[in-house]
Protein backbone atom coordinates (compact mmCIF):
# COMPACT_ATOMS: atom_id res chain seq x y z
CA MET A 1 23.49 -23.92 -3.20
CA SER A 2 25.74 -21.68 -1.11
CA THR A 3 27.75 -18.90 -2.70
CA GLY A 4 30.35 -18.93 0.06
CA THR A 5 29.06 -15.63 1.41
CA GLY A 6 26.25 -17.02 3.54
CA ARG A 7 23.78 -16.15 0.79
CA THR A 8 21.65 -18.57 -1.14
CA ALA A 9 22.41 -18.71 -4.85
CA PRO A 10 19.57 -18.50 -7.35
CA ARG A 11 17.92 -21.82 -8.10
CA GLU A 12 19.76 -23.86 -10.71
CA GLY A 13 17.96 -23.77 -14.02
CA ALA A 14 15.91 -20.70 -13.07
CA ALA A 15 15.53 -18.38 -16.02
CA ALA A 16 16.63 -14.78 -15.72
CA PRO A 17 13.47 -12.68 -15.31
CA HIS A 18 13.90 -10.98 -18.68
CA ARG A 19 13.87 -14.38 -20.41
CA SER A 20 10.65 -15.61 -18.84
CA PRO A 21 7.96 -16.43 -21.42
CA ASP A 22 5.30 -15.87 -18.74
CA VAL A 23 5.91 -12.13 -18.49
CA PRO A 24 3.53 -10.26 -20.83
CA VAL A 25 4.93 -7.79 -23.34
CA VAL A 26 3.08 -4.48 -23.05
CA ALA A 27 3.65 -1.39 -25.16
CA SER A 28 3.34 1.60 -22.86
CA ARG A 29 4.15 5.24 -22.16
CA ARG A 30 5.98 5.96 -18.92
CA GLY A 31 7.68 8.69 -16.99
CA HIS A 32 8.09 10.23 -13.55
CA PHE A 33 7.83 13.52 -11.69
CA TRP A 34 7.81 14.90 -8.16
CA VAL A 35 5.17 16.38 -5.92
CA PRO A 36 7.48 18.99 -4.33
CA GLY A 37 7.79 19.33 -0.60
CA ASP A 38 7.41 22.42 1.55
CA THR A 39 10.38 24.78 1.69
CA VAL A 40 11.84 25.05 5.17
CA ALA A 41 14.83 26.73 6.76
CA VAL A 42 17.60 24.33 7.81
CA SER A 43 21.15 24.64 9.09
CA THR A 44 22.53 24.77 5.54
CA GLY A 45 19.97 27.14 4.01
CA THR A 46 16.61 26.28 2.47
CA ALA A 47 15.47 22.70 1.85
CA GLN A 48 12.43 20.76 0.74
CA ARG A 49 10.51 18.79 3.33
CA GLY A 50 8.91 15.57 2.17
CA PRO A 51 8.82 15.62 -1.64
CA MET A 52 6.98 12.64 -3.13
CA PHE A 53 8.35 10.70 -6.10
CA VAL A 54 5.74 9.58 -8.63
CA GLN A 55 6.35 7.04 -11.40
CA TRP A 56 3.64 6.60 -14.01
CA GLU A 57 2.89 4.17 -16.82
CA ALA A 58 0.01 3.92 -19.25
CA PRO A 59 -0.66 1.23 -21.87
CA GLU A 60 -0.53 2.17 -25.52
CA GLN A 61 -4.28 1.50 -25.65
CA LEU A 62 -6.06 2.77 -22.54
CA ARG A 63 -9.16 0.73 -21.80
CA HIS A 64 -10.19 2.53 -18.61
CA GLU A 65 -10.53 6.27 -18.17
CA VAL A 66 -9.78 6.55 -14.44
CA PRO A 67 -6.14 5.90 -13.43
CA LEU A 68 -4.97 3.98 -10.39
CA VAL A 69 -2.69 5.49 -7.71
CA LEU A 70 -0.69 2.78 -5.94
CA VAL A 71 0.31 3.57 -2.34
CA HIS A 72 2.80 1.25 -0.64
CA GLY A 73 2.89 0.18 2.98
CA GLY A 74 4.96 1.16 6.00
CA GLY A 75 8.71 1.11 5.53
CA GLY A 76 8.29 -0.04 1.92
CA GLN A 77 8.49 1.92 -1.30
CA GLY A 78 6.88 2.14 -4.72
CA THR A 79 8.94 -0.80 -5.93
CA ASP A 80 6.62 -3.01 -3.86
CA TRP A 81 4.16 -2.71 -6.76
CA LEU A 82 6.73 -3.21 -9.52
CA GLY A 83 7.83 -6.79 -9.05
CA ALA A 84 7.51 -9.96 -7.02
CA LEU A 85 10.37 -11.32 -4.95
CA ASP A 86 11.15 -13.90 -7.63
CA GLY A 87 11.80 -11.12 -10.17
CA GLY A 88 8.48 -11.51 -11.96
CA PRO A 89 6.11 -8.64 -12.79
CA GLY A 90 4.23 -6.94 -10.00
CA TRP A 91 0.73 -5.62 -9.63
CA ALA A 92 1.53 -2.37 -11.43
CA GLN A 93 2.35 -4.32 -14.60
CA GLN A 94 -0.80 -6.41 -14.20
CA PHE A 95 -2.91 -3.24 -14.04
CA VAL A 96 -1.20 -1.76 -17.09
CA ALA A 97 -1.69 -4.99 -19.03
CA ALA A 98 -5.39 -4.78 -18.12
CA GLY A 99 -5.62 -1.33 -19.69
CA PHE A 100 -5.24 0.96 -16.66
CA ALA A 101 -2.85 3.89 -16.28
CA VAL A 102 -0.99 3.69 -12.98
CA TYR A 103 0.78 6.21 -10.77
CA VAL A 104 3.19 4.57 -8.31
CA VAL A 105 4.26 6.77 -5.41
CA ASP A 106 7.09 6.65 -2.92
CA ARG A 107 5.57 8.12 0.22
CA PRO A 108 7.59 11.02 1.69
CA GLY A 109 10.70 9.73 3.42
CA HIS A 110 10.48 6.32 1.72
CA GLY A 111 12.31 4.86 -1.27
CA ARG A 112 13.11 7.53 -3.83
CA SER A 113 11.55 10.28 -1.71
CA PRO A 114 14.47 11.54 0.39
CA TYR A 115 14.52 11.40 4.17
CA HIS A 116 16.44 13.76 6.40
CA PRO A 117 15.61 13.99 10.12
CA GLU A 118 16.20 17.74 10.18
CA VAL A 119 13.20 18.33 7.91
CA ILE A 120 10.92 15.29 8.36
CA GLY A 121 11.67 14.40 11.96
CA GLU A 122 13.19 11.55 13.90
CA MET A 123 13.44 8.18 12.19
CA GLY A 124 11.86 5.09 13.64
CA ALA A 125 13.80 1.87 14.15
CA PRO A 126 15.43 0.02 11.24
CA PHE A 127 13.24 -2.63 9.65
CA SER A 128 14.58 -5.94 10.94
CA TYR A 129 14.51 -9.45 9.56
CA GLU A 130 12.49 -10.48 12.59
CA ALA A 131 9.85 -7.85 11.84
CA ALA A 132 9.74 -8.95 8.20
CA VAL A 133 9.22 -12.60 9.11
CA GLY A 134 6.59 -11.80 11.72
CA LEU A 135 4.62 -9.65 9.30
CA PHE A 136 5.07 -11.39 5.96
CA ALA A 137 6.00 -15.01 6.70
CA PRO A 138 5.07 -15.98 10.27
CA PRO A 139 6.32 -19.49 11.02
CA GLU A 140 3.00 -20.48 12.63
CA ARG A 141 1.32 -20.06 9.23
CA ALA A 142 4.03 -21.80 7.20
CA GLY A 143 1.86 -24.83 6.52
CA GLU A 144 -0.87 -22.77 4.87
CA GLN A 145 1.12 -19.92 3.29
CA SER A 146 2.00 -21.72 0.08
CA ALA A 147 2.63 -18.47 -1.81
CA TRP A 148 5.69 -17.81 0.37
CA ALA A 149 8.23 -19.75 -1.67
CA TRP A 150 11.31 -18.87 0.37
CA GLY A 151 12.94 -19.43 3.73
CA ARG A 152 12.68 -17.42 6.92
CA GLU A 153 16.31 -16.77 7.84
CA PRO A 154 18.80 -14.09 6.73
CA GLY A 155 20.67 -15.31 3.69
CA ASP A 156 17.63 -16.72 1.95
CA ASP A 157 17.32 -14.92 -1.38
CA GLY A 158 13.60 -14.19 -1.15
CA LEU A 159 13.73 -12.85 2.39
CA ASP A 160 16.84 -10.83 1.56
CA GLN A 161 15.00 -9.28 -1.40
CA LEU A 162 12.10 -8.35 0.87
CA VAL A 163 14.17 -6.75 3.63
CA ALA A 164 16.45 -4.92 1.20
CA ALA A 165 13.56 -2.71 0.10
CA PHE A 166 12.50 -1.63 3.58
CA GLY A 167 13.60 1.48 5.42
CA PRO A 168 12.59 3.22 8.64
CA LEU A 169 9.29 5.00 9.11
CA PRO A 170 9.16 8.45 10.67
CA ALA A 171 8.91 8.00 14.43
CA ASP A 172 5.73 10.11 14.56
CA LEU A 173 3.09 7.98 12.83
CA GLY A 174 0.44 10.71 12.82
CA TRP A 175 2.79 13.30 11.33
CA SER A 176 3.91 10.80 8.69
CA GLN A 177 0.30 10.21 7.64
CA GLU A 178 -0.39 13.96 7.52
CA LEU A 179 2.59 14.40 5.21
CA ASP A 180 1.52 11.48 3.01
CA ALA A 181 -2.07 12.72 2.75
CA ASP A 182 -1.04 16.24 1.79
CA ARG A 183 1.24 15.04 -1.01
CA LEU A 184 -1.31 12.51 -2.26
CA ALA A 185 -4.00 15.20 -2.31
CA ARG A 186 -1.74 17.42 -4.39
CA LEU A 187 -1.05 14.54 -6.76
CA LEU A 188 -4.81 14.14 -7.26
CA ASP A 189 -5.08 17.88 -7.91
CA ARG A 190 -2.68 17.36 -10.81
CA ILE A 191 -3.98 14.14 -12.38
CA GLY A 192 -7.69 14.38 -11.58
CA PRO A 193 -10.06 11.68 -10.30
CA ALA A 194 -8.42 8.34 -9.54
CA VAL A 195 -8.86 5.05 -7.74
CA LEU A 196 -6.49 4.62 -4.81
CA VAL A 197 -4.94 1.18 -4.33
CA THR A 198 -3.25 0.99 -0.94
CA HIS A 199 -1.35 -1.66 0.97
CA SER A 200 -0.96 -2.18 4.72
CA ALA A 201 0.21 1.06 6.41
CA GLY A 202 -0.67 2.88 3.21
CA GLY A 203 -4.32 2.18 4.05
CA PRO A 204 -4.75 5.17 6.40
CA VAL A 205 -3.37 7.44 3.68
CA GLY A 206 -6.26 6.39 1.45
CA TRP A 207 -8.85 7.32 4.09
CA LEU A 208 -7.11 10.66 4.70
CA ALA A 209 -6.82 11.48 1.01
CA ALA A 210 -10.55 10.85 0.57
CA ASP A 211 -11.16 13.13 3.54
CA ARG A 212 -9.15 15.91 1.86
CA ARG A 213 -10.21 15.37 -1.76
CA PRO A 214 -13.51 13.45 -1.74
CA GLU A 215 -14.41 14.64 -5.22
CA LEU A 216 -11.17 13.21 -6.64
CA VAL A 217 -11.19 9.75 -5.00
CA GLU A 218 -13.39 7.53 -7.17
CA ALA A 219 -12.88 4.38 -5.11
CA ILE A 220 -10.37 2.75 -2.80
CA VAL A 221 -8.92 -0.75 -2.97
CA ALA A 222 -7.33 -1.34 0.44
CA VAL A 223 -5.08 -4.41 0.36
CA GLU A 224 -4.67 -5.69 3.93
CA PRO A 225 -5.08 -2.22 5.48
CA MET A 226 -3.91 -1.31 8.97
CA GLY A 227 -6.44 -2.09 11.65
CA PRO A 228 -8.59 -2.73 13.50
CA ALA A 229 -9.83 0.69 14.61
CA PHE A 230 -7.95 2.26 17.55
CA VAL A 231 -5.25 -0.41 17.57
CA GLU A 232 -1.86 0.45 19.03
CA PHE A 233 1.36 -0.70 17.35
CA PRO A 234 4.19 -1.00 19.90
CA GLY A 235 7.06 1.25 18.94
CA MET A 236 5.10 2.88 16.10
CA GLY A 237 1.99 4.62 17.39
CA ALA A 238 -1.76 4.09 17.40
CA LEU A 239 -4.75 4.59 15.12
CA GLU A 240 -6.14 7.13 17.56
CA TRP A 241 -8.74 8.61 15.19
CA GLY A 242 -10.31 5.28 14.26
CA LEU A 243 -8.50 3.94 11.20
CA THR A 244 -5.91 6.73 11.11
CA ALA A 245 -3.25 8.15 13.41
CA ALA A 246 -3.83 11.62 11.94
CA PRO A 247 -7.03 13.64 12.42
CA VAL A 248 -9.92 12.93 10.06
CA THR A 249 -13.19 14.86 9.67
CA TYR A 250 -16.29 13.41 11.34
CA ASP A 251 -19.89 14.61 11.11
CA PRO A 252 -21.13 15.40 13.69
CA PRO A 253 -17.72 16.85 14.62
CA LEU A 254 -15.53 14.75 16.88
CA GLY A 255 -12.67 16.95 17.96
CA SER A 256 -10.37 14.53 19.72
CA PRO A 257 -9.32 10.88 19.64
CA GLN A 258 -11.12 10.40 22.93
CA ALA A 259 -14.35 11.74 21.43
CA VAL A 260 -14.04 9.42 18.44
CA ARG A 261 -13.47 6.38 20.63
CA ALA A 262 -16.39 7.25 22.90
CA ALA A 263 -18.83 8.01 20.08
CA ASP A 264 -21.65 5.74 19.04
CA PRO A 265 -20.68 4.03 15.75
CA ALA A 266 -23.67 5.73 14.09
CA ASP A 267 -22.04 9.08 14.90
CA ARG A 268 -18.71 8.20 13.30
CA ARG A 269 -19.68 9.44 9.85
CA ILE A 270 -16.76 10.55 7.65
CA PRO A 271 -18.15 12.83 4.91
CA GLY A 272 -15.09 12.27 2.73
CA LEU A 273 -15.89 8.55 2.53
CA ALA A 274 -19.65 8.92 2.04
CA GLY A 275 -20.60 6.96 -1.06
CA THR A 276 -16.99 6.02 -1.86
CA GLU A 277 -16.73 2.40 -2.94
CA VAL A 278 -14.15 0.54 -0.88
CA LEU A 279 -12.83 -2.96 -1.45
CA VAL A 280 -10.88 -4.52 1.44
CA VAL A 281 -8.67 -7.33 0.09
CA THR A 282 -7.27 -10.06 2.33
CA GLY A 283 -5.15 -13.17 1.91
CA GLY A 284 -6.16 -16.53 3.28
CA SER A 285 -2.96 -16.99 5.29
CA SER A 286 -2.62 -13.51 6.77
CA ALA A 287 -3.33 -12.30 10.29
CA PHE A 288 -4.79 -9.16 8.71
CA ALA A 289 -7.73 -11.25 7.56
CA ASP A 290 -8.63 -11.84 11.21
CA PHE A 291 -9.79 -8.24 11.75
CA ALA A 292 -10.78 -7.25 8.20
CA ASP A 293 -14.50 -7.55 8.91
CA ASP A 294 -14.08 -5.03 11.73
CA VAL A 295 -12.45 -2.61 9.28
CA VAL A 296 -15.31 -3.08 6.80
CA THR A 297 -17.86 -2.44 9.56
CA PHE A 298 -16.09 0.76 10.62
CA LEU A 299 -16.03 1.97 7.00
CA ARG A 300 -19.72 1.21 6.53
CA ASP A 301 -20.52 3.14 9.70
CA ALA A 302 -18.46 5.99 8.23
CA GLY A 303 -20.70 6.01 5.15
CA ALA A 304 -18.65 4.05 2.64
CA PRO A 305 -20.29 1.15 0.75
CA ALA A 306 -17.41 -1.12 1.75
CA GLU A 307 -17.10 -4.79 0.88
CA ARG A 308 -14.52 -7.48 1.42
CA LEU A 309 -12.70 -9.56 -1.15
CA HIS A 310 -11.14 -12.57 0.57
CA LEU A 311 -8.88 -14.29 -1.95
CA PRO A 312 -9.78 -17.90 -1.00
CA ASP A 313 -13.40 -17.06 -1.85
CA LYS A 314 -12.13 -16.42 -5.39
CA GLY A 315 -10.15 -19.66 -5.54
CA VAL A 316 -6.80 -18.02 -4.72
CA HIS A 317 -5.16 -19.71 -1.74
CA GLY A 318 -1.98 -19.50 0.33
CA ASN A 319 -1.37 -15.75 0.33
CA GLY A 320 -0.02 -13.80 3.27
CA HIS A 321 0.30 -10.10 4.01
CA GLY A 322 2.73 -9.52 1.14
CA MET A 323 0.48 -10.90 -1.60
CA LEU A 324 1.80 -8.35 -4.10
CA LEU A 325 5.32 -9.70 -3.62
CA GLU A 326 4.73 -13.41 -3.22
CA ALA A 327 4.99 -16.18 -5.79
CA GLY A 328 1.99 -16.10 -8.08
CA ALA A 329 1.40 -12.39 -7.45
CA ASP A 330 -0.54 -12.28 -10.73
CA ARG A 331 -3.10 -14.77 -9.38
CA ALA A 332 -3.66 -12.64 -6.29
CA CYS A 333 -4.06 -9.55 -8.44
CA ALA A 334 -6.55 -11.03 -10.92
CA PRO A 335 -9.70 -10.72 -8.70
CA VAL A 336 -8.79 -7.10 -7.99
CA VAL A 337 -8.44 -6.38 -11.70
CA ARG A 338 -11.87 -7.92 -12.30
CA TRP A 339 -13.47 -5.81 -9.57
CA LEU A 340 -11.89 -2.63 -10.92
CA ALA A 341 -12.94 -3.39 -14.49
CA GLU A 342 -16.51 -4.21 -13.48
CA ARG A 343 -16.96 -1.01 -11.44
CA ASP A 344 -15.51 1.20 -14.16
CA GLY A 345 -18.59 2.48 -15.94
CA ARG A 346 -16.50 4.68 -18.19
CA THR A 347 -14.52 2.07 -20.05
CA ILE A 348 -12.96 3.62 -23.14
């Protein structure tokens, strides 16, 4: 039904999200704080560069000792974890309902973490509808991507909801990842050991945080992480250091992107990932699934006991790159919750 504005009205008979009987009621504690940015001189005086907003929630009865830190993808924001496009609960709520405390971050320059070019650097291009469709709902996969319940043109409510949340990335991908990793490391300094749960372009931040704070990263769940190694993204940058655009520590030392690329895979050991359990999660209808095995192989060469969780292997079908936002986001999350619960040897 048209609203007369070119927008699609909500489906007739659809319940308002707060009236849905399918949304679990969870008693919880919640709050927020900031990881402050650096102080820098600017034209108007002194400013902060790249503060990071952190929203946290913990169930009334914690069932798992180690919290989860949820890191969104490129151009997105922490709200990616807070709700699906249909207004239903997101993965953050699923984790809390399962007994985990969660910390949801807005990476510097994204969402509630302010962006100003004078302190962070030049902005990349605006996030377009065409980019959103190509990444999250490619027409060539429409027949198999059953979890995408919306259209693919501006004016469709679901696609509008998706694009509304996206902003520009910093133009310098490597610098952006450096900034993210520093703030995430300082968050871990404050809250202690945690499991990182990353999505898409948030994936490199997980590898970099483990490089900087290996003793504080218990495990990493990488949902459709950027890859494969050394790939170049037109208009964005390249993963010059393997799975990151920012420098990461190798042993034996590899001091340049060229040295990393030329090295034998057996010499691409990353001490920060040694022994760190990594789960790479992919959807059955996503192009990211096509190179996920290459990412797992790179991580294993780096020293991480990495494994892959492909949702169709768990009976969950039709998911694309935005599985945390699609219809039935709870079904896509359930195998991840099970993996996290099973690996947590310190259940309270």
